[in-house]
N, C-alpha and C. Protein backbone atom coordinates (compact mmCIF):
# COMPACT_ATOMS: atom_id res chain seq x y z
N MET A 1 29.44 227.72 77.60
CA MET A 1 29.99 228.40 78.75
C MET A 1 28.89 228.68 79.77
N GLU A 2 27.64 228.82 79.33
CA GLU A 2 26.54 229.04 80.27
C GLU A 2 26.41 227.88 81.24
N GLU A 3 26.62 226.65 80.74
CA GLU A 3 26.52 225.47 81.60
C GLU A 3 27.57 225.54 82.71
N VAL A 4 28.78 226.01 82.38
CA VAL A 4 29.83 226.16 83.38
C VAL A 4 29.44 227.23 84.40
N THR A 5 28.94 228.36 83.93
CA THR A 5 28.52 229.45 84.80
C THR A 5 27.42 228.97 85.74
N ASP A 6 26.44 228.25 85.22
CA ASP A 6 25.36 227.73 86.06
C ASP A 6 25.89 226.78 87.13
N ALA A 7 26.84 225.93 86.75
CA ALA A 7 27.42 224.98 87.71
C ALA A 7 28.14 225.72 88.83
N VAL A 8 28.87 226.78 88.49
CA VAL A 8 29.56 227.57 89.50
C VAL A 8 28.55 228.26 90.41
N ASN A 9 27.54 228.86 89.83
CA ASN A 9 26.56 229.62 90.61
C ASN A 9 25.70 228.74 91.50
N ASN A 10 25.50 227.48 91.14
CA ASN A 10 24.64 226.58 91.91
C ASN A 10 25.38 225.79 92.97
N LEU A 11 26.63 226.13 93.23
CA LEU A 11 27.41 225.41 94.22
C LEU A 11 26.84 225.61 95.62
N SER A 12 26.92 224.59 96.42
CA SER A 12 26.60 224.73 97.83
C SER A 12 27.88 225.14 98.55
N LEU A 13 27.85 226.30 99.17
CA LEU A 13 29.05 226.80 99.83
C LEU A 13 29.05 226.51 101.33
N ASN A 14 28.28 225.53 101.77
CA ASN A 14 28.25 225.17 103.18
C ASN A 14 29.62 224.70 103.65
N ASP A 15 30.31 223.97 102.81
CA ASP A 15 31.62 223.42 103.14
C ASP A 15 32.67 224.35 102.56
N ALA A 16 33.01 225.41 103.29
CA ALA A 16 33.80 226.52 102.75
C ALA A 16 35.16 226.10 102.22
N HIS A 17 35.83 225.16 102.85
CA HIS A 17 37.16 224.79 102.38
C HIS A 17 37.12 223.92 101.12
N ARG A 18 35.98 223.51 100.69
CA ARG A 18 35.85 222.67 99.50
C ARG A 18 35.19 223.42 98.34
N LYS A 19 35.12 224.74 98.41
CA LYS A 19 34.40 225.51 97.39
C LYS A 19 35.09 225.47 96.03
N ASN A 20 36.32 225.01 95.99
CA ASN A 20 37.04 224.94 94.73
C ASN A 20 37.28 223.49 94.29
N LEU A 21 36.46 222.57 94.78
CA LEU A 21 36.60 221.15 94.47
C LEU A 21 35.71 220.77 93.28
N ILE A 22 36.31 220.05 92.33
CA ILE A 22 35.54 219.49 91.21
C ILE A 22 35.68 217.98 91.30
N GLN A 23 34.56 217.30 91.49
CA GLN A 23 34.56 215.84 91.49
C GLN A 23 34.23 215.38 90.08
N VAL A 24 35.20 214.75 89.46
CA VAL A 24 35.09 214.40 88.04
C VAL A 24 34.55 212.99 87.86
N SER A 25 33.63 212.88 86.92
CA SER A 25 33.11 211.58 86.49
C SER A 25 33.43 211.45 85.00
N ASN A 26 33.79 210.27 84.57
CA ASN A 26 34.06 210.12 83.14
C ASN A 26 32.81 209.74 82.36
N THR A 27 31.65 209.75 83.02
CA THR A 27 30.41 209.41 82.32
C THR A 27 29.39 210.54 82.33
N LYS A 28 29.52 211.51 83.21
CA LYS A 28 28.48 212.52 83.36
C LYS A 28 28.61 213.72 82.42
N LYS A 29 29.81 214.25 82.26
CA LYS A 29 30.00 215.46 81.46
C LYS A 29 31.18 215.26 80.52
N PRO A 30 31.21 216.01 79.42
CA PRO A 30 32.35 215.92 78.51
C PRO A 30 33.62 216.51 79.15
N LEU A 31 34.76 216.09 78.66
CA LEU A 31 36.05 216.51 79.18
C LEU A 31 36.18 218.02 79.26
N PHE A 32 35.83 218.73 78.20
CA PHE A 32 36.05 220.17 78.19
C PHE A 32 35.06 220.94 79.07
N PHE A 33 33.98 220.31 79.50
CA PHE A 33 33.15 220.91 80.53
C PHE A 33 33.99 221.10 81.79
N TYR A 34 34.73 220.04 82.17
CA TYR A 34 35.56 220.10 83.37
C TYR A 34 36.74 221.05 83.19
N VAL A 35 37.34 221.08 82.00
CA VAL A 35 38.45 222.00 81.74
C VAL A 35 37.97 223.45 81.91
N ASN A 36 36.84 223.79 81.32
CA ASN A 36 36.31 225.14 81.43
C ASN A 36 35.87 225.47 82.85
N LEU A 37 35.31 224.50 83.55
CA LEU A 37 34.91 224.71 84.94
C LEU A 37 36.15 224.96 85.81
N ALA A 38 37.21 224.22 85.57
CA ALA A 38 38.46 224.41 86.33
C ALA A 38 39.02 225.81 86.09
N LYS A 39 38.96 226.28 84.85
CA LYS A 39 39.42 227.65 84.54
C LYS A 39 38.60 228.66 85.33
N ARG A 40 37.30 228.46 85.37
CA ARG A 40 36.42 229.38 86.07
C ARG A 40 36.72 229.38 87.57
N TYR A 41 36.94 228.19 88.15
CA TYR A 41 37.27 228.09 89.57
C TYR A 41 38.60 228.79 89.86
N MET A 42 39.57 228.65 88.97
CA MET A 42 40.85 229.32 89.19
C MET A 42 40.70 230.83 89.10
N GLN A 43 39.80 231.31 88.24
CA GLN A 43 39.54 232.75 88.19
C GLN A 43 38.97 233.23 89.53
N LEU A 44 38.08 232.45 90.11
CA LEU A 44 37.41 232.83 91.34
C LEU A 44 38.24 232.61 92.61
N HIS A 45 39.00 231.52 92.64
CA HIS A 45 39.65 231.10 93.88
C HIS A 45 41.18 230.98 93.79
N ASP A 46 41.76 231.23 92.64
CA ASP A 46 43.21 231.12 92.40
C ASP A 46 43.73 229.69 92.39
N GLU A 47 42.91 228.73 92.78
CA GLU A 47 43.31 227.33 92.71
C GLU A 47 42.07 226.45 92.58
N VAL A 48 42.30 225.21 92.14
CA VAL A 48 41.20 224.27 91.98
C VAL A 48 41.71 222.89 92.37
N GLU A 49 40.83 222.11 92.99
CA GLU A 49 41.16 220.74 93.34
C GLU A 49 40.31 219.81 92.49
N LEU A 50 40.97 218.94 91.74
CA LEU A 50 40.30 217.95 90.91
C LEU A 50 40.34 216.61 91.64
N SER A 51 39.22 215.93 91.70
CA SER A 51 39.14 214.68 92.43
C SER A 51 38.39 213.65 91.59
N ALA A 52 38.83 212.39 91.67
CA ALA A 52 38.14 211.32 90.93
C ALA A 52 38.40 209.97 91.58
N LEU A 53 37.49 209.05 91.29
CA LEU A 53 37.61 207.67 91.73
C LEU A 53 37.72 206.73 90.53
N GLY A 54 38.44 205.64 90.71
CA GLY A 54 38.47 204.56 89.73
C GLY A 54 38.82 204.97 88.32
N MET A 55 37.94 204.62 87.38
CA MET A 55 38.20 204.85 85.97
C MET A 55 38.23 206.34 85.59
N ALA A 56 37.68 207.20 86.42
CA ALA A 56 37.67 208.64 86.13
C ALA A 56 39.03 209.28 86.42
N ILE A 57 39.95 208.55 87.04
CA ILE A 57 41.27 209.09 87.34
C ILE A 57 41.98 209.54 86.06
N ALA A 58 41.86 208.76 85.01
CA ALA A 58 42.50 209.15 83.73
C ALA A 58 41.95 210.49 83.22
N THR A 59 40.66 210.73 83.43
CA THR A 59 40.04 211.98 83.01
C THR A 59 40.62 213.15 83.79
N VAL A 60 40.79 212.99 85.11
CA VAL A 60 41.36 214.06 85.95
C VAL A 60 42.79 214.38 85.51
N VAL A 61 43.57 213.34 85.25
CA VAL A 61 44.95 213.55 84.81
C VAL A 61 44.96 214.30 83.48
N THR A 62 44.08 213.95 82.57
CA THR A 62 43.99 214.62 81.28
C THR A 62 43.62 216.10 81.45
N ILE A 63 42.66 216.39 82.31
CA ILE A 63 42.25 217.77 82.56
C ILE A 63 43.44 218.57 83.10
N ALA A 64 44.13 218.01 84.09
CA ALA A 64 45.29 218.70 84.68
C ALA A 64 46.36 218.95 83.63
N GLU A 65 46.63 217.98 82.79
CA GLU A 65 47.66 218.12 81.76
C GLU A 65 47.28 219.17 80.72
N ILE A 66 46.01 219.24 80.35
CA ILE A 66 45.55 220.26 79.40
C ILE A 66 45.80 221.64 79.99
N LEU A 67 45.42 221.84 81.24
CA LEU A 67 45.60 223.14 81.89
C LEU A 67 47.08 223.48 82.04
N LYS A 68 47.91 222.50 82.39
CA LYS A 68 49.34 222.75 82.54
C LYS A 68 50.01 223.02 81.19
N ASN A 69 49.69 222.22 80.19
CA ASN A 69 50.32 222.36 78.87
C ASN A 69 49.93 223.66 78.18
N ASN A 70 48.77 224.21 78.53
CA ASN A 70 48.35 225.50 77.96
C ASN A 70 48.86 226.68 78.79
N GLY A 71 49.67 226.40 79.79
CA GLY A 71 50.29 227.45 80.60
C GLY A 71 49.36 228.10 81.59
N LEU A 72 48.21 227.50 81.86
CA LEU A 72 47.21 228.11 82.74
C LEU A 72 47.39 227.73 84.20
N ALA A 73 47.97 226.56 84.46
CA ALA A 73 48.02 226.06 85.83
C ALA A 73 49.38 225.45 86.15
N ILE A 74 49.65 225.43 87.45
CA ILE A 74 50.84 224.79 87.98
C ILE A 74 50.36 223.76 89.00
N GLU A 75 50.93 222.58 88.93
CA GLU A 75 50.57 221.50 89.84
C GLU A 75 51.17 221.80 91.21
N LYS A 76 50.34 221.84 92.23
CA LYS A 76 50.81 222.14 93.58
C LYS A 76 50.94 220.87 94.42
N LYS A 77 49.97 219.95 94.23
CA LYS A 77 49.95 218.76 95.09
C LYS A 77 49.17 217.65 94.39
N ILE A 78 49.65 216.41 94.54
CA ILE A 78 48.92 215.24 94.07
C ILE A 78 48.80 214.27 95.24
N MET A 79 47.57 213.83 95.51
CA MET A 79 47.34 212.88 96.59
C MET A 79 46.62 211.66 96.02
N THR A 80 47.07 210.50 96.42
CA THR A 80 46.38 209.27 96.02
C THR A 80 46.00 208.50 97.28
N SER A 81 44.92 207.75 97.17
CA SER A 81 44.47 206.93 98.29
C SER A 81 43.51 205.88 97.76
N THR A 82 42.99 205.09 98.68
CA THR A 82 41.91 204.17 98.34
C THR A 82 40.76 204.45 99.30
N VAL A 83 39.56 204.25 98.81
CA VAL A 83 38.37 204.44 99.64
C VAL A 83 37.53 203.17 99.60
N ASP A 84 36.92 202.86 100.73
CA ASP A 84 36.02 201.71 100.80
C ASP A 84 34.64 202.14 100.31
N MET A 85 34.09 201.35 99.42
CA MET A 85 32.74 201.62 98.90
C MET A 85 31.93 200.34 98.96
N LYS A 86 30.63 200.51 99.09
CA LYS A 86 29.72 199.36 99.14
C LYS A 86 29.37 198.95 97.72
N ASP A 87 29.65 197.71 97.38
CA ASP A 87 29.26 197.15 96.07
C ASP A 87 27.84 196.63 96.22
N GLU A 88 26.89 197.39 95.66
CA GLU A 88 25.47 197.04 95.82
C GLU A 88 25.12 195.69 95.21
N SER A 89 25.74 195.35 94.08
CA SER A 89 25.39 194.10 93.40
C SER A 89 25.87 192.87 94.18
N ARG A 90 27.01 192.99 94.87
CA ARG A 90 27.55 191.85 95.60
C ARG A 90 27.32 191.95 97.11
N GLY A 91 26.90 193.12 97.56
CA GLY A 91 26.63 193.29 98.98
C GLY A 91 27.86 193.29 99.86
N ARG A 92 29.01 193.65 99.30
CA ARG A 92 30.22 193.69 100.13
C ARG A 92 31.00 194.96 99.84
N SER A 93 31.99 195.21 100.65
CA SER A 93 32.80 196.41 100.53
C SER A 93 33.93 196.18 99.51
N ILE A 94 34.16 197.18 98.67
CA ILE A 94 35.28 197.12 97.72
C ILE A 94 36.12 198.38 97.88
N GLN A 95 37.37 198.30 97.47
CA GLN A 95 38.24 199.46 97.53
C GLN A 95 38.38 200.06 96.13
N LYS A 96 38.30 201.39 96.07
CA LYS A 96 38.48 202.12 94.81
C LYS A 96 39.64 203.07 94.96
N ALA A 97 40.41 203.20 93.89
CA ALA A 97 41.50 204.16 93.87
C ALA A 97 40.92 205.57 93.79
N LYS A 98 41.61 206.52 94.44
CA LYS A 98 41.18 207.91 94.42
C LYS A 98 42.39 208.79 94.16
N ILE A 99 42.19 209.86 93.39
CA ILE A 99 43.25 210.84 93.17
C ILE A 99 42.68 212.23 93.40
N GLU A 100 43.51 213.10 93.95
CA GLU A 100 43.18 214.51 94.12
C GLU A 100 44.38 215.31 93.62
N ILE A 101 44.13 216.22 92.70
CA ILE A 101 45.20 217.05 92.15
C ILE A 101 44.85 218.51 92.44
N LEU A 102 45.75 219.20 93.11
CA LEU A 102 45.56 220.61 93.42
C LEU A 102 46.37 221.43 92.43
N LEU A 103 45.67 222.29 91.67
CA LEU A 103 46.31 223.16 90.69
C LEU A 103 46.14 224.61 91.12
N VAL A 104 47.17 225.41 90.88
CA VAL A 104 47.09 226.85 91.15
C VAL A 104 47.29 227.60 89.84
N LYS A 105 46.78 228.83 89.81
CA LYS A 105 46.93 229.66 88.63
C LYS A 105 48.40 229.90 88.34
N SER A 106 48.76 229.87 87.06
CA SER A 106 50.11 230.23 86.66
C SER A 106 50.23 231.75 86.68
N GLU A 107 51.45 232.24 86.61
CA GLU A 107 51.67 233.69 86.57
C GLU A 107 51.02 234.32 85.35
N ARG A 108 50.92 233.55 84.27
CA ARG A 108 50.38 234.08 83.01
C ARG A 108 48.89 233.78 82.84
N PHE A 109 48.24 233.21 83.84
CA PHE A 109 46.84 232.80 83.74
C PHE A 109 45.94 233.92 83.23
N ASP A 110 45.97 235.07 83.92
CA ASP A 110 45.07 236.17 83.56
C ASP A 110 45.34 236.68 82.15
N GLU A 111 46.61 236.77 81.79
CA GLU A 111 47.00 237.21 80.44
C GLU A 111 46.49 236.23 79.38
N LEU A 112 46.67 234.94 79.62
CA LEU A 112 46.23 233.92 78.66
C LEU A 112 44.71 233.88 78.54
N MET A 113 44.01 234.05 79.66
CA MET A 113 42.54 234.05 79.63
C MET A 113 42.02 235.28 78.88
N ALA A 114 42.65 236.43 79.11
CA ALA A 114 42.24 237.66 78.40
C ALA A 114 42.49 237.52 76.91
N SER A 115 43.61 236.93 76.54
CA SER A 115 43.94 236.73 75.13
C SER A 115 42.92 235.79 74.46
N ALA A 116 42.56 234.71 75.15
CA ALA A 116 41.57 233.76 74.62
C ALA A 116 40.21 234.43 74.47
N ALA A 117 39.85 235.28 75.42
CA ALA A 117 38.56 235.98 75.36
C ALA A 117 38.53 236.95 74.18
N SER A 118 39.63 237.66 73.94
CA SER A 118 39.64 238.61 72.82
C SER A 118 39.61 237.87 71.48
N GLU A 119 40.29 236.72 71.40
CA GLU A 119 40.23 235.91 70.18
C GLU A 119 38.80 235.43 69.93
N ARG A 120 38.13 235.01 70.99
CA ARG A 120 36.76 234.53 70.88
C ARG A 120 35.84 235.66 70.42
N ASP A 121 36.05 236.86 70.95
CA ASP A 121 35.25 238.02 70.55
C ASP A 121 35.46 238.35 69.08
N GLU A 122 36.71 238.25 68.60
CA GLU A 122 37.01 238.52 67.19
C GLU A 122 36.28 237.53 66.29
N VAL A 123 36.33 236.25 66.66
CA VAL A 123 35.67 235.21 65.86
C VAL A 123 34.17 235.45 65.83
N GLU A 124 33.58 235.77 66.97
CA GLU A 124 32.15 236.03 67.03
C GLU A 124 31.79 237.27 66.21
N GLY A 125 32.66 238.28 66.23
CA GLY A 125 32.44 239.48 65.44
C GLY A 125 32.50 239.19 63.95
N ASP A 126 33.44 238.35 63.54
CA ASP A 126 33.57 237.96 62.13
C ASP A 126 32.35 237.17 61.67
N GLU A 127 31.82 236.31 62.54
CA GLU A 127 30.66 235.49 62.17
C GLU A 127 29.42 236.35 61.99
N GLN A 128 29.31 237.45 62.74
CA GLN A 128 28.14 238.29 62.65
C GLN A 128 28.22 239.24 61.46
N SER A 129 29.41 239.44 60.90
CA SER A 129 29.58 240.36 59.75
C SER A 129 29.03 239.79 58.48
């Protein structure tokens, strides 16, 4: 959880309307890093935008589904597009698929997060006994 906290604290807030954006890569961090980061963003901003290109789209969909299936988030908007990118190896422009999913906190978000925190505290207390 410290890694998630550090990532939130080290954000550049120059672009104020994008302060709740998570750009997901399927090679940089494990899936649950992004799930926990999304929870943290929803605590801070009431909503989170997940974004990915190409093969990472499946990861974004999985993150959104985990949050929705656990009752933490409600899907507000899904946007798809293509973006032109420079293919360095071939020296030409290629198009990549892009997805953006906007999630908002569910009505039960705070209750579910508090319940998970108390369960975690109990487990940690039992381990120290």
